[in-house]
Amino acid sequence: MASREPANPEALSYEQAVSRLEAIVEKIESGEIGLDESMALYEEGVRLGKRCKEALLAAEQRIEVLSRETAGLEAGQKSSTPQGTDDKRT
């Protein structure tokens, strides 16, 4: 039986999920717990791993969107000045 109530992975921040996952790995690797508790912790670890992967994917997608928006803004600024001019008024 698990000594700690499994956390709802969706309610945890990425950092909290990673921290809990590290604690689970450490506990399983210690060899000080039985098979049933090891399996329960392993299952929780799988859920936490999925949560972390989803959070990283979401962050990556946000970065891609921001990069495209930034590239679009820069392209718009460059195209607003006709080639061969530097937009100085004399």
PDB file of N, CA and C in Angstrom:
ATOM      1  N   MET A   1       0.841  -1.174   0.000  1.00  0.00           N
ATOM      2  CA  MET A   1       0.000   0.000   0.000  1.00  0.00           C
ATOM      3  C   MET A   1       0.891   1.244   0.000  1.00  0.00           C
ATOM      4  N   ALA A   2       0.559   2.214  -0.838  1.00  0.00           N
ATOM      5  CA  ALA A   2       1.358   3.427  -0.970  1.00  0.00           C
ATOM      6  C   ALA A   2       1.298   4.240   0.312  1.00  0.00           C
ATOM      7  N   SER A   3       2.457   4.793   0.679  1.00  0.00           N
ATOM      8  CA  SER A   3       2.515   5.584   1.902  1.00  0.00           C
ATOM      9  C   SER A   3       2.028   7.001   1.673  1.00  0.00           C
ATOM     10  N   ARG A   4       1.880   7.378   0.436  1.00  0.00           N
ATOM     11  CA  ARG A   4       1.450   8.738   0.113  1.00  0.00           C
ATOM     12  C   ARG A   4       0.334   8.660  -0.915  1.00  0.00           C
ATOM     13  N   GLU A   5      -0.689   9.458  -0.706  1.00  0.00           N
ATOM     14  CA  GLU A   5      -1.820   9.497  -1.634  1.00  0.00           C
ATOM     15  C   GLU A   5      -1.322  10.031  -2.972  1.00  0.00           C
ATOM     16  N   PRO A   6      -1.611   9.330  -4.076  1.00  0.00           N
ATOM     17  CA  PRO A   6      -1.156   9.817  -5.380  1.00  0.00           C
ATOM     18  C   PRO A   6      -1.745  11.186  -5.703  1.00  0.00           C
ATOM     19  N   ALA A   7      -0.904  12.043  -6.202  1.00  0.00           N
ATOM     20  CA  ALA A   7      -1.345  13.386  -6.567  1.00  0.00           C
ATOM     21  C   ALA A   7      -2.019  13.334  -7.935  1.00  0.00           C
ATOM     22  N   ASN A   8      -2.979  14.220  -8.135  1.00  0.00           N
ATOM     23  CA  ASN A   8      -3.604  14.348  -9.443  1.00  0.00           C
ATOM     24  C   ASN A   8      -2.608  15.077 -10.338  1.00  0.00           C
ATOM     25  N   PRO A   9      -2.040  14.392 -11.329  1.00  0.00           N
ATOM     26  CA  PRO A   9      -1.014  15.022 -12.171  1.00  0.00           C
ATOM     27  C   PRO A   9      -1.479  16.311 -12.835  1.00  0.00           C
ATOM     28  N   GLU A  10      -2.750  16.383 -13.196  1.00  0.00           N
ATOM     29  CA  GLU A  10      -3.261  17.577 -13.877  1.00  0.00           C
ATOM     30  C   GLU A  10      -3.260  18.803 -12.965  1.00  0.00           C
ATOM     31  N   ALA A  11      -3.304  18.578 -11.661  1.00  0.00           N
ATOM     32  CA  ALA A  11      -3.345  19.688 -10.709  1.00  0.00           C
ATOM     33  C   ALA A  11      -1.953  20.212 -10.371  1.00  0.00           C
ATOM     34  N   LEU A  12      -0.917  19.507 -10.815  1.00  0.00           N
ATOM     35  CA  LEU A  12       0.451  19.886 -10.481  1.00  0.00           C
ATOM     36  C   LEU A  12       1.073  20.743 -11.573  1.00  0.00           C
ATOM     37  N   SER A  13       1.962  21.638 -11.155  1.00  0.00           N
ATOM     38  CA  SER A  13       2.759  22.372 -12.136  1.00  0.00           C
ATOM     39  C   SER A  13       3.779  21.397 -12.717  1.00  0.00           C
ATOM     40  N   TYR A  14       4.409  21.787 -13.794  1.00  0.00           N
ATOM     41  CA  TYR A  14       5.444  20.949 -14.392  1.00  0.00           C
ATOM     42  C   TYR A  14       6.533  20.639 -13.362  1.00  0.00           C
ATOM     43  N   GLU A  15       6.968  21.656 -12.647  1.00  0.00           N
ATOM     44  CA  GLU A  15       8.043  21.482 -11.674  1.00  0.00           C
ATOM     45  C   GLU A  15       7.632  20.542 -10.542  1.00  0.00           C
ATOM     46  N   GLN A  16       6.400  20.672 -10.094  1.00  0.00           N
ATOM     47  CA  GLN A  16       5.902  19.787  -9.037  1.00  0.00           C
ATOM     48  C   GLN A  16       5.834  18.347  -9.532  1.00  0.00           C
ATOM     49  N   ALA A  17       5.389  18.161 -10.761  1.00  0.00           N
ATOM     50  CA  ALA A  17       5.286  16.816 -11.323  1.00  0.00           C
ATOM     51  C   ALA A  17       6.666  16.185 -11.457  1.00  0.00           C
ATOM     52  N   VAL A  18       7.647  16.946 -11.914  1.00  0.00           N
ATOM     53  CA  VAL A  18       9.010  16.429 -12.040  1.00  0.00           C
ATOM     54  C   VAL A  18       9.565  16.059 -10.664  1.00  0.00           C
ATOM     55  N   SER A  19       9.338  16.914  -9.689  1.00  0.00           N
ATOM     56  CA  SER A  19       9.817  16.652  -8.336  1.00  0.00           C
ATOM     57  C   SER A  19       9.209  15.372  -7.771  1.00  0.00           C
ATOM     58  N   ARG A  20       7.895  15.211  -7.952  1.00  0.00           N
ATOM     59  CA  ARG A  20       7.215  14.001  -7.470  1.00  0.00           C
ATOM     60  C   ARG A  20       7.728  12.774  -8.218  1.00  0.00           C
ATOM     61  N   LEU A  21       7.948  12.897  -9.503  1.00  0.00           N
ATOM     62  CA  LEU A  21       8.464  11.786 -10.295  1.00  0.00           C
ATOM     63  C   LEU A  21       9.856  11.380  -9.820  1.00  0.00           C
ATOM     64  N   GLU A  22      10.693  12.351  -9.518  1.00  0.00           N
ATOM     65  CA  GLU A  22      12.031  12.057  -8.994  1.00  0.00           C
ATOM     66  C   GLU A  22      11.945  11.315  -7.659  1.00  0.00           C
ATOM     67  N   ALA A  23      11.022  11.745  -6.801  1.00  0.00           N
ATOM     68  CA  ALA A  23      10.852  11.083  -5.504  1.00  0.00           C
ATOM     69  C   ALA A  23      10.380   9.643  -5.685  1.00  0.00           C
ATOM     70  N   ILE A  24       9.503   9.425  -6.653  1.00  0.00           N
ATOM     71  CA  ILE A  24       9.008   8.072  -6.924  1.00  0.00           C
ATOM     72  C   ILE A  24      10.146   7.179  -7.396  1.00  0.00           C
ATOM     73  N   VAL A  25      10.935   7.677  -8.340  1.00  0.00           N
ATOM     74  CA  VAL A  25      12.063   6.891  -8.862  1.00  0.00           C
ATOM     75  C   VAL A  25      13.017   6.530  -7.728  1.00  0.00           C
ATOM     76  N   GLU A  26      13.320   7.509  -6.896  1.00  0.00           N
ATOM     77  CA  GLU A  26      14.233   7.273  -5.770  1.00  0.00           C
ATOM     78  C   GLU A  26      13.684   6.194  -4.838  1.00  0.00           C
ATOM     79  N   LYS A  27      12.404   6.270  -4.546  1.00  0.00           N
ATOM     80  CA  LYS A  27      11.787   5.314  -3.622  1.00  0.00           C
ATOM     81  C   LYS A  27      11.775   3.900  -4.216  1.00  0.00           C
ATOM     82  N   ILE A  28      11.434   3.796  -5.493  1.00  0.00           N
ATOM     83  CA  ILE A  28      11.413   2.480  -6.131  1.00  0.00           C
ATOM     84  C   ILE A  28      12.823   1.899  -6.194  1.00  0.00           C
ATOM     85  N   GLU A  29      13.789   2.737  -6.579  1.00  0.00           N
ATOM     86  CA  GLU A  29      15.166   2.270  -6.705  1.00  0.00           C
ATOM     87  C   GLU A  29      15.798   1.907  -5.368  1.00  0.00           C
ATOM     88  N   SER A  30      15.255   2.421  -4.280  1.00  0.00           N
ATOM     89  CA  SER A  30      15.820   2.124  -2.960  1.00  0.00           C
ATOM     90  C   SER A  30      15.653   0.655  -2.597  1.00  0.00           C
ATOM     91  N   GLY A  31      14.630   0.023  -3.166  1.00  0.00           N
ATOM     92  CA  GLY A  31      14.382  -1.387  -2.866  1.00  0.00           C
ATOM     93  C   GLY A  31      13.775  -1.618  -1.501  1.00  0.00           C
ATOM     94  N   GLU A  32      13.360  -0.564  -0.831  1.00  0.00           N
ATOM     95  CA  GLU A  32      12.833  -0.676   0.525  1.00  0.00           C
ATOM     96  C   GLU A  32      11.323  -0.837   0.575  1.00  0.00           C
ATOM     97  N   ILE A  33      10.677  -0.912  -0.584  1.00  0.00           N
ATOM     98  CA  ILE A  33       9.224  -1.049  -0.605  1.00  0.00           C
ATOM     99  C   ILE A  33       8.860  -2.358  -1.309  1.00  0.00           C
ATOM    100  N   GLY A  34       7.672  -2.805  -1.043  1.00  0.00           N
ATOM    101  CA  GLY A  34       7.218  -4.061  -1.625  1.00  0.00           C
ATOM    102  C   GLY A  34       6.730  -3.900  -3.057  1.00  0.00           C
ATOM    103  N   LEU A  35       6.386  -5.030  -3.627  1.00  0.00           N
ATOM    104  CA  LEU A  35       5.953  -5.064  -5.014  1.00  0.00           C
ATOM    105  C   LEU A  35       4.676  -4.253  -5.241  1.00  0.00           C
ATOM    106  N   ASP A  36       3.695  -4.396  -4.367  1.00  0.00           N
ATOM    107  CA  ASP A  36       2.438  -3.672  -4.544  1.00  0.00           C
ATOM    108  C   ASP A  36       2.647  -2.165  -4.523  1.00  0.00           C
ATOM    109  N   GLU A  37       3.410  -1.689  -3.565  1.00  0.00           N
ATOM    110  CA  GLU A  37       3.673  -0.247  -3.497  1.00  0.00           C
ATOM    111  C   GLU A  37       4.510   0.211  -4.685  1.00  0.00           C
ATOM    112  N   SER A  38       5.467  -0.612  -5.083  1.00  0.00           N
ATOM    113  CA  SER A  38       6.279  -0.278  -6.259  1.00  0.00           C
ATOM    114  C   SER A  38       5.408  -0.135  -7.500  1.00  0.00           C
ATOM    115  N   MET A  39       4.466  -1.048  -7.671  1.00  0.00           N
ATOM    116  CA  MET A  39       3.580  -0.990  -8.837  1.00  0.00           C
ATOM    117  C   MET A  39       2.679   0.251  -8.783  1.00  0.00           C
ATOM    118  N   ALA A  40       2.153   0.555  -7.605  1.00  0.00           N
ATOM    119  CA  ALA A  40       1.299   1.735  -7.466  1.00  0.00           C
ATOM    120  C   ALA A  40       2.095   3.007  -7.774  1.00  0.00           C
ATOM    121  N   LEU A  41       3.310   3.073  -7.281  1.00  0.00           N
ATOM    122  CA  LEU A  41       4.150   4.237  -7.550  1.00  0.00           C
ATOM    123  C   LEU A  41       4.551   4.299  -9.017  1.00  0.00           C
ATOM    124  N   TYR A  42       4.809   3.150  -9.612  1.00  0.00           N
ATOM    125  CA  TYR A  42       5.157   3.112 -11.027  1.00  0.00           C
ATOM    126  C   TYR A  42       4.004   3.653 -11.871  1.00  0.00           C
ATOM    127  N   GLU A  43       2.787   3.231 -11.555  1.00  0.00           N
ATOM    128  CA  GLU A  43       1.612   3.726 -12.273  1.00  0.00           C
ATOM    129  C   GLU A  43       1.469   5.237 -12.124  1.00  0.00           C
ATOM    130  N   GLU A  44       1.692   5.725 -10.906  1.00  0.00           N
ATOM    131  CA  GLU A  44       1.631   7.174 -10.695  1.00  0.00           C
ATOM    132  C   GLU A  44       2.724   7.868 -11.509  1.00  0.00           C
ATOM    133  N   GLY A  45       3.894   7.260 -11.542  1.00  0.00           N
ATOM    134  CA  GLY A  45       5.009   7.816 -12.304  1.00  0.00           C
ATOM    135  C   GLY A  45       4.710   7.911 -13.792  1.00  0.00           C
ATOM    136  N   VAL A  46       4.033   6.899 -14.312  1.00  0.00           N
ATOM    137  CA  VAL A  46       3.651   6.932 -15.721  1.00  0.00           C
ATOM    138  C   VAL A  46       2.705   8.108 -15.984  1.00  0.00           C
ATOM    139  N   ARG A  47       1.741   8.305 -15.095  1.00  0.00           N
ATOM    140  CA  ARG A  47       0.813   9.436 -15.254  1.00  0.00           C
ATOM    141  C   ARG A  47       1.558  10.775 -15.158  1.00  0.00           C
ATOM    142  N   LEU A  48       2.494  10.863 -14.225  1.00  0.00           N
ATOM    143  CA  LEU A  48       3.275  12.093 -14.080  1.00  0.00           C
ATOM    144  C   LEU A  48       4.150  12.340 -15.304  1.00  0.00           C
ATOM    145  N   GLY A  49       4.740  11.269 -15.825  1.00  0.00           N
ATOM    146  CA  GLY A  49       5.560  11.393 -17.031  1.00  0.00           C
ATOM    147  C   GLY A  49       4.748  11.910 -18.205  1.00  0.00           C
ATOM    148  N   LYS A  50       3.529  11.409 -18.320  1.00  0.00           N
ATOM    149  CA  LYS A  50       2.634  11.872 -19.388  1.00  0.00           C
ATOM    150  C   LYS A  50       2.324  13.355 -19.199  1.00  0.00           C
ATOM    151  N   ARG A  51       2.047  13.747 -17.964  1.00  0.00           N
ATOM    152  CA  ARG A  51       1.752  15.158 -17.649  1.00  0.00           C
ATOM    153  C   ARG A  51       2.933  16.048 -18.031  1.00  0.00           C
ATOM    154  N   CYS A  52       4.144  15.607 -17.697  1.00  0.00           N
ATOM    155  CA  CYS A  52       5.344  16.392 -18.010  1.00  0.00           C
ATOM    156  C   CYS A  52       5.530  16.504 -19.526  1.00  0.00           C
ATOM    157  N   LYS A  53       5.333  15.404 -20.234  1.00  0.00           N
ATOM    158  CA  LYS A  53       5.482  15.420 -21.691  1.00  0.00           C
ATOM    159  C   LYS A  53       4.475  16.375 -22.323  1.00  0.00           C
ATOM    160  N   GLU A  54       3.233  16.352 -21.830  1.00  0.00           N
ATOM    161  CA  GLU A  54       2.202  17.246 -22.361  1.00  0.00           C
ATOM    162  C   GLU A  54       2.547  18.712 -22.080  1.00  0.00           C
ATOM    163  N   ALA A  55       3.082  18.980 -20.890  1.00  0.00           N
ATOM    164  CA  ALA A  55       3.454  20.354 -20.541  1.00  0.00           C
ATOM    165  C   ALA A  55       4.592  20.849 -21.430  1.00  0.00           C
ATOM    166  N   LEU A  56       5.568  19.987 -21.693  1.00  0.00           N
ATOM    167  CA  LEU A  56       6.683  20.368 -22.560  1.00  0.00           C
ATOM    168  C   LEU A  56       6.210  20.583 -23.995  1.00  0.00           C
ATOM    169  N   LEU A  57       5.317  19.742 -24.463  1.00  0.00           N
ATOM    170  CA  LEU A  57       4.775  19.899 -25.808  1.00  0.00           C
ATOM    171  C   LEU A  57       4.009  21.219 -25.927  1.00  0.00           C
ATOM    172  N   ALA A  58       3.208  21.547 -24.914  1.00  0.00           N
ATOM    173  CA  ALA A  58       2.459  22.804 -24.922  1.00  0.00           C
ATOM    174  C   ALA A  58       3.415  23.998 -24.930  1.00  0.00           C
ATOM    175  N   ALA A  59       4.473  23.922 -24.157  1.00  0.00           N
ATOM    176  CA  ALA A  59       5.456  25.011 -24.121  1.00  0.00           C
ATOM    177  C   ALA A  59       6.142  25.150 -25.481  1.00  0.00           C
ATOM    178  N   GLU A  60       6.489  24.027 -26.088  1.00  0.00           N
ATOM    179  CA  GLU A  60       7.122  24.047 -27.400  1.00  0.00           C
ATOM    180  C   GLU A  60       6.197  24.682 -28.442  1.00  0.00           C
ATOM    181  N   GLN A  61       4.920  24.332 -28.389  1.00  0.00           N
ATOM    182  CA  GLN A  61       3.959  24.905 -29.329  1.00  0.00           C
ATOM    183  C   GLN A  61       3.808  26.410 -29.128  1.00  0.00           C
ATOM    184  N   ARG A  62       3.798  26.851 -27.881  1.00  0.00           N
ATOM    185  CA  ARG A  62       3.712  28.292 -27.604  1.00  0.00           C
ATOM    186  C   ARG A  62       4.928  29.026 -28.158  1.00  0.00           C
ATOM    187  N   ILE A  63       6.104  28.420 -27.996  1.00  0.00           N
ATOM    188  CA  ILE A  63       7.335  29.032 -28.509  1.00  0.00           C
ATOM    189  C   ILE A  63       7.279  29.137 -30.027  1.00  0.00           C
ATOM    190  N   GLU A  64       6.785  28.089 -30.690  1.00  0.00           N
ATOM    191  CA  GLU A  64       6.676  28.124 -32.141  1.00  0.00           C
ATOM    192  C   GLU A  64       5.730  29.229 -32.598  1.00  0.00           C
ATOM    193  N   VAL A  65       4.595  29.376 -31.922  1.00  0.00           N
ATOM    194  CA  VAL A  65       3.634  30.424 -32.274  1.00  0.00           C
ATOM    195  C   VAL A  65       4.268  31.795 -32.081  1.00  0.00           C
ATOM    196  N   LEU A  66       4.919  31.996 -30.951  1.00  0.00           N
ATOM    197  CA  LEU A  66       5.561  33.291 -30.694  1.00  0.00           C
ATOM    198  C   LEU A  66       6.662  33.577 -31.705  1.00  0.00           C
ATOM    199  N   SER A  67       7.413  32.549 -32.076  1.00  0.00           N
ATOM    200  CA  SER A  67       8.478  32.731 -33.067  1.00  0.00           C
ATOM    201  C   SER A  67       7.900  33.127 -34.420  1.00  0.00           C
ATOM    202  N   ARG A  68       6.798  32.464 -34.818  1.00  0.00           N
ATOM    203  CA  ARG A  68       6.167  32.811 -36.096  1.00  0.00           C
ATOM    204  C   ARG A  68       5.615  34.228 -36.048  1.00  0.00           C
ATOM    205  N   GLU A  69       4.998  34.605 -34.919  1.00  0.00           N
ATOM    206  CA  GLU A  69       4.459  35.960 -34.794  1.00  0.00           C
ATOM    207  C   GLU A  69       5.576  36.990 -34.875  1.00  0.00           C
ATOM    208  N   THR A  70       6.675  36.714 -34.208  1.00  0.00           N
ATOM    209  CA  THR A  70       7.818  37.626 -34.232  1.00  0.00           C
ATOM    210  C   THR A  70       8.387  37.723 -35.638  1.00  0.00           C
ATOM    211  N   ALA A  71       8.513  36.589 -36.311  1.00  0.00           N
ATOM    212  CA  ALA A  71       9.025  36.589 -37.680  1.00  0.00           C
ATOM    213  C   ALA A  71       8.079  37.358 -38.600  1.00  0.00           C
ATOM    214  N   GLY A  72       6.785  37.215 -38.382  1.00  0.00           N
ATOM    215  CA  GLY A  72       5.805  37.942 -39.182  1.00  0.00           C
ATOM    216  C   GLY A  72       5.889  39.434 -38.969  1.00  0.00           C
ATOM    217  N   LEU A  73       6.085  39.843 -37.720  1.00  0.00           N
ATOM    218  CA  LEU A  73       6.226  41.271 -37.423  1.00  0.00           C
ATOM    219  C   LEU A  73       7.477  41.833 -38.077  1.00  0.00           C
ATOM    220  N   GLU A  74       8.571  41.086 -37.987  1.00  0.00           N
ATOM    221  CA  GLU A  74       9.821  41.553 -38.583  1.00  0.00           C
ATOM    222  C   GLU A  74       9.694  41.622 -40.101  1.00  0.00           C
ATOM    223  N   ALA A  75       9.041  40.643 -40.699  1.00  0.00           N
ATOM    224  CA  ALA A  75       8.847  40.651 -42.152  1.00  0.00           C
ATOM    225  C   ALA A  75       7.953  41.818 -42.553  1.00  0.00           C
ATOM    226  N   GLY A  76       6.941  42.112 -41.757  1.00  0.00           N
ATOM    227  CA  GLY A  76       6.046  43.232 -42.037  1.00  0.00           C
ATOM    228  C   GLY A  76       6.774  44.562 -41.959  1.00  0.00           C
ATOM    229  N   GLN A  77       7.669  44.702 -41.013  1.00  0.00           N
ATOM    230  CA  GLN A  77       8.425  45.943 -40.878  1.00  0.00           C
ATOM    231  C   GLN A  77       9.377  46.123 -42.052  1.00  0.00           C
ATOM    232  N   LYS A  78      10.003  45.040 -42.475  1.00  0.00           N
ATOM    233  CA  LYS A  78      10.937  45.118 -43.594  1.00  0.00           C
ATOM    234  C   LYS A  78      10.207  45.423 -44.890  1.00  0.00           C
ATOM    235  N   SER A  79       9.030  44.829 -45.085  1.00  0.00           N
ATOM    236  CA  SER A  79       8.311  45.019 -46.350  1.00  0.00           C
ATOM    237  C   SER A  79       7.618  46.380 -46.412  1.00  0.00           C
ATOM    238  N   SER A  80       7.461  47.079 -45.295  1.00  0.00           N
ATOM    239  CA  SER A  80       6.807  48.379 -45.322  1.00  0.00           C
ATOM    240  C   SER A  80       7.736  49.476 -45.846  1.00  0.00           C
ATOM    241  N   THR A  81       9.027  49.209 -45.873  1.00  0.00           N
ATOM    242  CA  THR A  81       9.984  50.154 -46.426  1.00  0.00           C
ATOM    243  C   THR A  81      10.374  49.657 -47.814  1.00  0.00           C
ATOM    244  N   PRO A  82      10.113  50.418 -48.857  1.00  0.00           N
ATOM    245  CA  PRO A  82      10.453  49.955 -50.212  1.00  0.00           C
ATOM    246  C   PRO A  82      11.943  49.675 -50.322  1.00  0.00           C
ATOM    247  N   GLN A  83      12.262  48.656 -51.107  1.00  0.00           N
ATOM    248  CA  GLN A  83      13.670  48.298 -51.293  1.00  0.00           C
ATOM    249  C   GLN A  83      14.419  49.467 -51.917  1.00  0.00           C
ATOM    250  N   GLY A  84      15.641  49.634 -51.486  1.00  0.00           N
ATOM    251  CA  GLY A  84      16.455  50.695 -52.030  1.00  0.00           C
ATOM    252  C   GLY A  84      16.287  52.030 -51.302  1.00  0.00           C
ATOM    253  N   THR A  85      15.375  52.087 -50.340  1.00  0.00           N
ATOM    254  CA  THR A  85      15.214  53.314 -49.555  1.00  0.00           C
ATOM    255  C   THR A  85      15.445  52.965 -48.105  1.00  0.00           C
ATOM    256  N   ASP A  86      15.824  53.969 -47.370  1.00  0.00           N
ATOM    257  CA  ASP A  86      16.021  53.742 -45.936  1.00  0.00           C
ATOM    258  C   ASP A  86      15.020  54.523 -45.110  1.00  0.00           C
ATOM    259  N   ASP A  87      13.968  55.002 -45.739  1.00  0.00           N
ATOM    260  CA  ASP A  87      12.845  55.684 -45.090  1.00  0.00           C
ATOM    261  C   ASP A  87      13.275  56.973 -44.382  1.00  0.00           C
ATOM    262  N   LYS A  88      14.403  57.592 -44.840  1.00  0.00           N
ATOM    263  CA  LYS A  88      14.810  58.886 -44.289  1.00  0.00           C
ATOM    264  C   LYS A  88      14.132  59.956 -45.099  1.00  0.00           C
ATOM    265  N   ARG A  89      13.634  60.942 -44.422  1.00  0.00           N
ATOM    266  CA  ARG A  89      12.953  62.037 -45.123  1.00  0.00           C
ATOM    267  C   ARG A  89      13.889  63.230 -45.204  1.00  0.00           C
ATOM    268  N   THR A  90      14.014  63.747 -46.385  1.00  0.00           N
ATOM    269  CA  THR A  90      14.920  64.889 -46.567  1.00  0.00           C
ATOM    270  C   THR A  90      14.190  66.139 -46.934  1.00  0.00           C
TER     271      THR A  90
END
